[in-house]
Amino acid sequence: MLVSLNSFAVVETFQDYIKMAGNESLDMNSRWNALMKSANVAEASDIDAIRTFATSKEWYLRNAALVALSKVDPQLAEVEAIKMLTDKALVVRSAAVEIVGQNLSDKNKEILIGEMDKGYNFNRSSSLWIRKQILEKIAQAATEKDQQVFLKNLFDTDKNISEFSANTLERITGKKMDRKKFVQNWREYAKHENLN
């Protein structure tokens, strides 16, 4: 039987929180919250204990480990997040995108761009929302040299992706298109100029 964190005495130490996060008789929320609280009281020597949850069989603990690591050691969180971009759980991949997207170095931008067309970011042939999330992160630091990414995604079958790409192209190039048939106008321009 799963029990809640509330049924236990007051917890205050890092070790207590880590023990609770690893306690399989506790419910999901209690374990997730315990790992989050561990980050609030963690010292440098405690980081590895949090990191071990990044390989948990439970998706919510992998997710919690990423979020907790981002509080205590953003660089280590980024290292783990890059690995977790391929996680089988969409929620974990989404948290990984958030963390990788906080440091949009050229390397991280390339990593995120590479995730756009991975099979696990589709449900059969339908685009999953994480693809737009990835594109939004890239767009935050996009310059004219990133045009190709957005030109390519203008032709994506996911309307959210193609519209977002057209809006980003307008912003980074300064080129204005008629808002009627906005995406179509950008597609025609890209074909005419042999940009795609």
C-alpha atoms as a PDB file:
ATOM      1  CA  MET A   1       0.000   0.000   0.000  1.00  0.00           C
ATOM      2  CA  LEU A   2       1.329   3.433  -0.981  1.00  0.00           C
ATOM      3  CA  VAL A   3       1.487   6.024   1.735  1.00  0.00           C
ATOM      4  CA  SER A   4       1.939   9.758   1.666  1.00  0.00           C
ATOM      5  CA  LEU A   5       4.799  11.826   3.043  1.00  0.00           C
ATOM      6  CA  ASN A   6       2.299  13.503   5.386  1.00  0.00           C
ATOM      7  CA  SER A   7       1.988  10.336   7.439  1.00  0.00           C
ATOM      8  CA  PHE A   8       5.620  10.593   8.560  1.00  0.00           C
ATOM      9  CA  ALA A   9       7.259  12.701  11.246  1.00  0.00           C
ATOM     10  CA  VAL A  10       8.878  16.025  10.377  1.00  0.00           C
ATOM     11  CA  VAL A  11      11.777  15.586   7.975  1.00  0.00           C
ATOM     12  CA  GLU A  12      14.602  18.058   7.803  1.00  0.00           C
ATOM     13  CA  THR A  13      17.884  16.467   6.763  1.00  0.00           C
ATOM     14  CA  PHE A  14      19.162  15.757   3.286  1.00  0.00           C
ATOM     15  CA  GLN A  15      19.551  12.059   4.084  1.00  0.00           C
ATOM     16  CA  ASP A  16      15.940  11.844   5.295  1.00  0.00           C
ATOM     17  CA  TYR A  17      14.676  13.327   2.040  1.00  0.00           C
ATOM     18  CA  ILE A  18      16.859  11.042  -0.089  1.00  0.00           C
ATOM     19  CA  LYS A  19      15.665   8.028   1.899  1.00  0.00           C
ATOM     20  CA  MET A  20      12.052   9.032   1.281  1.00  0.00           C
ATOM     21  CA  ALA A  21      12.649   9.618  -2.424  1.00  0.00           C
ATOM     22  CA  GLY A  22      13.976   6.067  -2.645  1.00  0.00           C
ATOM     23  CA  ASN A  23      11.148   4.561  -0.550  1.00  0.00           C
ATOM     24  CA  GLU A  24       8.981   2.532  -2.936  1.00  0.00           C
ATOM     25  CA  SER A  25       6.140   2.308  -0.424  1.00  0.00           C
ATOM     26  CA  LEU A  26       5.550   6.068  -0.727  1.00  0.00           C
ATOM     27  CA  ASP A  27       3.310   7.504  -3.436  1.00  0.00           C
ATOM     28  CA  MET A  28       4.664   9.293  -6.509  1.00  0.00           C
ATOM     29  CA  ASN A  29       3.996  12.851  -5.255  1.00  0.00           C
ATOM     30  CA  SER A  30       5.677  12.218  -1.910  1.00  0.00           C
ATOM     31  CA  ARG A  31       8.775  10.767  -3.545  1.00  0.00           C
ATOM     32  CA  TRP A  32       8.955  13.585  -6.117  1.00  0.00           C
ATOM     33  CA  ASN A  33       8.533  16.238  -3.397  1.00  0.00           C
ATOM     34  CA  ALA A  34      11.144  14.578  -1.177  1.00  0.00           C
ATOM     35  CA  LEU A  35      13.701  14.745  -3.980  1.00  0.00           C
ATOM     36  CA  MET A  36      12.812  18.393  -4.620  1.00  0.00           C
ATOM     37  CA  LYS A  37      13.205  19.209  -0.917  1.00  0.00           C
ATOM     38  CA  SER A  38      16.556  17.416  -0.844  1.00  0.00           C
ATOM     39  CA  ALA A  39      17.853  20.010  -3.319  1.00  0.00           C
ATOM     40  CA  ASN A  40      16.913  22.816  -0.916  1.00  0.00           C
ATOM     41  CA  VAL A  41      19.162  21.448   1.835  1.00  0.00           C
ATOM     42  CA  ALA A  42      21.868  19.782  -0.315  1.00  0.00           C
ATOM     43  CA  GLU A  43      25.535  20.611   0.022  1.00  0.00           C
ATOM     44  CA  ALA A  44      28.165  20.068  -2.669  1.00  0.00           C
ATOM     45  CA  SER A  45      28.997  16.623  -1.288  1.00  0.00           C
ATOM     46  CA  ASP A  46      25.325  15.559  -1.616  1.00  0.00           C
ATOM     47  CA  ILE A  47      24.967  16.118  -5.361  1.00  0.00           C
ATOM     48  CA  ASP A  48      25.861  12.551  -6.367  1.00  0.00           C
ATOM     49  CA  ALA A  49      23.028  11.200  -4.205  1.00  0.00           C
ATOM     50  CA  ILE A  50      20.555  13.318  -6.184  1.00  0.00           C
ATOM     51  CA  ARG A  51      22.244  12.372  -9.465  1.00  0.00           C
ATOM     52  CA  THR A  52      21.643   8.649  -8.862  1.00  0.00           C
ATOM     53  CA  PHE A  53      17.909   9.267  -9.359  1.00  0.00           C
ATOM     54  CA  ALA A  54      18.601  10.381 -12.963  1.00  0.00           C
ATOM     55  CA  THR A  55      18.780   6.674 -13.848  1.00  0.00           C
ATOM     56  CA  SER A  56      15.740   5.593 -11.799  1.00  0.00           C
ATOM     57  CA  LYS A  57      13.284   3.183 -13.399  1.00  0.00           C
ATOM     58  CA  GLU A  58      10.539   5.633 -12.420  1.00  0.00           C
ATOM     59  CA  TRP A  59      10.057   8.477 -14.925  1.00  0.00           C
ATOM     60  CA  TYR A  60       8.929  10.951 -12.241  1.00  0.00           C
ATOM     61  CA  LEU A  61      12.149  10.417 -10.265  1.00  0.00           C
ATOM     62  CA  ARG A  62      14.263  10.956 -13.384  1.00  0.00           C
ATOM     63  CA  ASN A  63      12.289  14.144 -13.946  1.00  0.00           C
ATOM     64  CA  ALA A  64      12.702  15.214 -10.302  1.00  0.00           C
ATOM     65  CA  ALA A  65      16.441  14.491 -10.441  1.00  0.00           C
ATOM     66  CA  LEU A  66      16.830  16.851 -13.410  1.00  0.00           C
ATOM     67  CA  VAL A  67      14.866  19.640 -11.749  1.00  0.00           C
ATOM     68  CA  ALA A  68      16.688  19.149  -8.425  1.00  0.00           C
ATOM     69  CA  LEU A  69      20.101  19.104 -10.117  1.00  0.00           C
ATOM     70  CA  SER A  70      19.277  22.332 -11.942  1.00  0.00           C
ATOM     71  CA  LYS A  71      18.839  23.980  -8.520  1.00  0.00           C
ATOM     72  CA  VAL A  72      22.082  22.714  -6.981  1.00  0.00           C
ATOM     73  CA  ASP A  73      24.459  22.312  -9.930  1.00  0.00           C
ATOM     74  CA  PRO A  74      23.254  23.762 -13.259  1.00  0.00           C
ATOM     75  CA  GLN A  75      26.318  22.514 -15.160  1.00  0.00           C
ATOM     76  CA  LEU A  76      25.812  18.939 -13.995  1.00  0.00           C
ATOM     77  CA  ALA A  77      22.081  19.257 -14.712  1.00  0.00           C
ATOM     78  CA  GLU A  78      22.958  20.240 -18.283  1.00  0.00           C
ATOM     79  CA  VAL A  79      25.223  17.178 -18.680  1.00  0.00           C
ATOM     80  CA  GLU A  80      22.428  14.893 -17.427  1.00  0.00           C
ATOM     81  CA  ALA A  81      19.788  16.725 -19.482  1.00  0.00           C
ATOM     82  CA  ILE A  82      21.715  16.156 -22.718  1.00  0.00           C
ATOM     83  CA  LYS A  83      21.670  12.411 -21.971  1.00  0.00           C
ATOM     84  CA  MET A  84      17.962  12.545 -21.119  1.00  0.00           C
ATOM     85  CA  LEU A  85      16.858  14.168 -24.375  1.00  0.00           C
ATOM     86  CA  THR A  86      16.397  10.567 -25.559  1.00  0.00           C
ATOM     87  CA  ASP A  87      14.503   9.396 -22.450  1.00  0.00           C
ATOM     88  CA  LYS A  88      11.494   7.168 -23.149  1.00  0.00           C
ATOM     89  CA  ALA A  89       9.240   9.485 -21.088  1.00  0.00           C
ATOM     90  CA  LEU A  90       8.075  12.613 -22.913  1.00  0.00           C
ATOM     91  CA  VAL A  91       7.842  14.579 -19.638  1.00  0.00           C
ATOM     92  CA  VAL A  92      11.505  13.814 -18.884  1.00  0.00           C
ATOM     93  CA  ARG A  93      12.566  14.799 -22.412  1.00  0.00           C
ATOM     94  CA  SER A  94      10.643  18.051 -22.010  1.00  0.00           C
ATOM     95  CA  ALA A  95      12.437  18.856 -18.726  1.00  0.00           C
ATOM     96  CA  ALA A  96      15.718  18.051 -20.475  1.00  0.00           C
ATOM     97  CA  VAL A  97      14.895  20.488 -23.301  1.00  0.00           C
ATOM     98  CA  GLU A  98      14.167  23.209 -20.721  1.00  0.00           C
ATOM     99  CA  ILE A  99      17.539  22.702 -19.049  1.00  0.00           C
ATOM    100  CA  VAL A 100      19.598  22.382 -22.243  1.00  0.00           C
ATOM    101  CA  GLY A 101      17.791  25.464 -23.572  1.00  0.00           C
ATOM    102  CA  GLN A 102      18.978  27.562 -20.636  1.00  0.00           C
ATOM    103  CA  ASN A 103      22.494  27.597 -22.114  1.00  0.00           C
ATOM    104  CA  LEU A 104      22.106  28.028 -25.848  1.00  0.00           C
ATOM    105  CA  SER A 105      25.724  27.619 -26.830  1.00  0.00           C
ATOM    106  CA  ASP A 106      26.284  26.676 -30.481  1.00  0.00           C
ATOM    107  CA  LYS A 107      26.858  23.089 -29.312  1.00  0.00           C
ATOM    108  CA  ASN A 108      23.572  22.955 -27.369  1.00  0.00           C
ATOM    109  CA  LYS A 109      21.711  24.580 -30.247  1.00  0.00           C
ATOM    110  CA  GLU A 110      23.026  21.863 -32.581  1.00  0.00           C
ATOM    111  CA  ILE A 111      22.024  19.155 -30.100  1.00  0.00           C
ATOM    112  CA  LEU A 112      18.472  20.533 -29.894  1.00  0.00           C
ATOM    113  CA  ILE A 113      18.218  20.930 -33.674  1.00  0.00           C
ATOM    114  CA  GLY A 114      19.219  17.281 -33.976  1.00  0.00           C
ATOM    115  CA  GLU A 115      16.294  16.264 -31.746  1.00  0.00           C
ATOM    116  CA  MET A 116      13.618  17.866 -33.952  1.00  0.00           C
ATOM    117  CA  ASP A 117      13.179  14.935 -36.320  1.00  0.00           C
ATOM    118  CA  LYS A 118      13.889  12.013 -33.982  1.00  0.00           C
ATOM    119  CA  GLY A 119      11.240   9.308 -34.141  1.00  0.00           C
ATOM    120  CA  TYR A 120      10.536   9.435 -30.399  1.00  0.00           C
ATOM    121  CA  ASN A 121       9.320  13.032 -30.801  1.00  0.00           C
ATOM    122  CA  PHE A 122       6.472  11.806 -32.995  1.00  0.00           C
ATOM    123  CA  ASN A 123       3.445   9.654 -32.256  1.00  0.00           C
ATOM    124  CA  ARG A 124       3.312   7.605 -35.443  1.00  0.00           C
ATOM    125  CA  SER A 125       3.532  10.414 -37.995  1.00  0.00           C
ATOM    126  CA  SER A 126       2.042  13.103 -35.723  1.00  0.00           C
ATOM    127  CA  SER A 127       4.374  15.691 -34.270  1.00  0.00           C
ATOM    128  CA  LEU A 128       4.530  15.823 -30.447  1.00  0.00           C
ATOM    129  CA  TRP A 129       4.414  19.191 -28.661  1.00  0.00           C
ATOM    130  CA  ILE A 130       8.042  18.840 -27.569  1.00  0.00           C
ATOM    131  CA  ARG A 131       9.137  19.658 -31.129  1.00  0.00           C
ATOM    132  CA  LYS A 132       7.639  23.152 -30.856  1.00  0.00           C
ATOM    133  CA  GLN A 133       9.216  23.478 -27.406  1.00  0.00           C
ATOM    134  CA  ILE A 134      12.620  22.667 -28.945  1.00  0.00           C
ATOM    135  CA  LEU A 135      12.084  25.212 -31.722  1.00  0.00           C
ATOM    136  CA  GLU A 136      11.024  27.858 -29.193  1.00  0.00           C
ATOM    137  CA  LYS A 137      14.251  27.324 -27.241  1.00  0.00           C
ATOM    138  CA  ILE A 138      16.367  27.628 -30.404  1.00  0.00           C
ATOM    139  CA  ALA A 139      14.439  30.763 -31.421  1.00  0.00           C
ATOM    140  CA  GLN A 140      15.319  32.513 -28.153  1.00  0.00           C
ATOM    141  CA  ALA A 141      18.924  32.847 -29.330  1.00  0.00           C
ATOM    142  CA  ALA A 142      18.328  32.663 -33.084  1.00  0.00           C
ATOM    143  CA  THR A 143      20.224  34.950 -35.421  1.00  0.00           C
ATOM    144  CA  GLU A 144      20.317  35.204 -39.212  1.00  0.00           C
ATOM    145  CA  LYS A 145      22.801  32.331 -39.307  1.00  0.00           C
ATOM    146  CA  ASP A 146      20.029  30.072 -37.941  1.00  0.00           C
ATOM    147  CA  GLN A 147      17.712  30.806 -40.881  1.00  0.00           C
ATOM    148  CA  GLN A 148      18.145  27.333 -42.381  1.00  0.00           C
ATOM    149  CA  VAL A 149      16.626  25.677 -39.309  1.00  0.00           C
ATOM    150  CA  PHE A 150      13.476  27.766 -39.581  1.00  0.00           C
ATOM    151  CA  LEU A 151      13.330  27.634 -43.397  1.00  0.00           C
ATOM    152  CA  LYS A 152      13.390  23.833 -43.216  1.00  0.00           C
ATOM    153  CA  ASN A 153      10.654  23.830 -40.565  1.00  0.00           C
ATOM    154  CA  LEU A 154       8.465  26.150 -42.651  1.00  0.00           C
ATOM    155  CA  PHE A 155       7.581  23.021 -44.605  1.00  0.00           C
ATOM    156  CA  ASP A 156       6.773  20.906 -41.545  1.00  0.00           C
ATOM    157  CA  THR A 157       3.347  19.257 -41.618  1.00  0.00           C
ATOM    158  CA  ASP A 158       2.712  20.419 -38.029  1.00  0.00           C
ATOM    159  CA  LYS A 159       0.948  23.777 -38.417  1.00  0.00           C
ATOM    160  CA  ASN A 160       2.304  24.992 -35.047  1.00  0.00           C
ATOM    161  CA  ILE A 161       5.872  24.351 -36.230  1.00  0.00           C
ATOM    162  CA  SER A 162       5.441  25.973 -39.658  1.00  0.00           C
ATOM    163  CA  GLU A 163       3.706  29.068 -38.233  1.00  0.00           C
ATOM    164  CA  PHE A 164       6.284  29.460 -35.486  1.00  0.00           C
ATOM    165  CA  SER A 165       9.072  29.125 -38.078  1.00  0.00           C
ATOM    166  CA  ALA A 166       7.526  31.820 -40.286  1.00  0.00           C
ATOM    167  CA  ASN A 167       7.189  34.203 -37.326  1.00  0.00           C
ATOM    168  CA  THR A 168      10.779  33.545 -36.265  1.00  0.00           C
ATOM    169  CA  LEU A 169      12.046  34.136 -39.818  1.00  0.00           C
ATOM    170  CA  GLU A 170      10.227  37.456 -39.915  1.00  0.00           C
ATOM    171  CA  ARG A 171      11.847  38.439 -36.623  1.00  0.00           C
ATOM    172  CA  ILE A 172      15.420  37.399 -37.425  1.00  0.00           C
ATOM    173  CA  THR A 173      15.483  38.625 -41.040  1.00  0.00           C
ATOM    174  CA  GLY A 174      13.356  41.761 -40.663  1.00  0.00           C
ATOM    175  CA  LYS A 175      11.530  40.711 -43.852  1.00  0.00           C
ATOM    176  CA  LYS A 176       7.776  41.343 -43.663  1.00  0.00           C
ATOM    177  CA  MET A 177       5.211  39.166 -45.365  1.00  0.00           C
ATOM    178  CA  ASP A 178       1.517  39.731 -45.880  1.00  0.00           C
ATOM    179  CA  ARG A 179      -0.231  38.188 -42.854  1.00  0.00           C
ATOM    180  CA  LYS A 180      -2.844  36.636 -45.151  1.00  0.00           C
ATOM    181  CA  LYS A 181      -1.481  33.236 -46.117  1.00  0.00           C
ATOM    182  CA  PHE A 182       1.569  34.106 -44.025  1.00  0.00           C
ATOM    183  CA  VAL A 183       3.176  30.654 -43.984  1.00  0.00           C
ATOM    184  CA  GLN A 184       2.403  30.074 -47.657  1.00  0.00           C
ATOM    185  CA  ASN A 185       4.012  33.411 -48.547  1.00  0.00           C
ATOM    186  CA  TRP A 186       7.152  32.466 -46.644  1.00  0.00           C
ATOM    187  CA  ARG A 187       7.237  29.055 -48.331  1.00  0.00           C
ATOM    188  CA  GLU A 188       6.922  30.635 -51.781  1.00  0.00           C
ATOM    189  CA  TYR A 189       9.647  33.151 -50.957  1.00  0.00           C
ATOM    190  CA  ALA A 190      11.951  30.371 -49.723  1.00  0.00           C
ATOM    191  CA  LYS A 191      11.368  28.326 -52.905  1.00  0.00           C
ATOM    192  CA  HIS A 192      11.778  31.345 -55.178  1.00  0.00           C
ATOM    193  CA  GLU A 193      15.040  32.330 -53.533  1.00  0.00           C
ATOM    194  CA  ASN A 194      16.198  28.667 -53.369  1.00  0.00           C
ATOM    195  CA  LEU A 195      16.561  29.074 -49.606  1.00  0.00           C
ATOM    196  CA  ASN A 196      15.098  25.790 -48.420  1.00  0.00           C
END
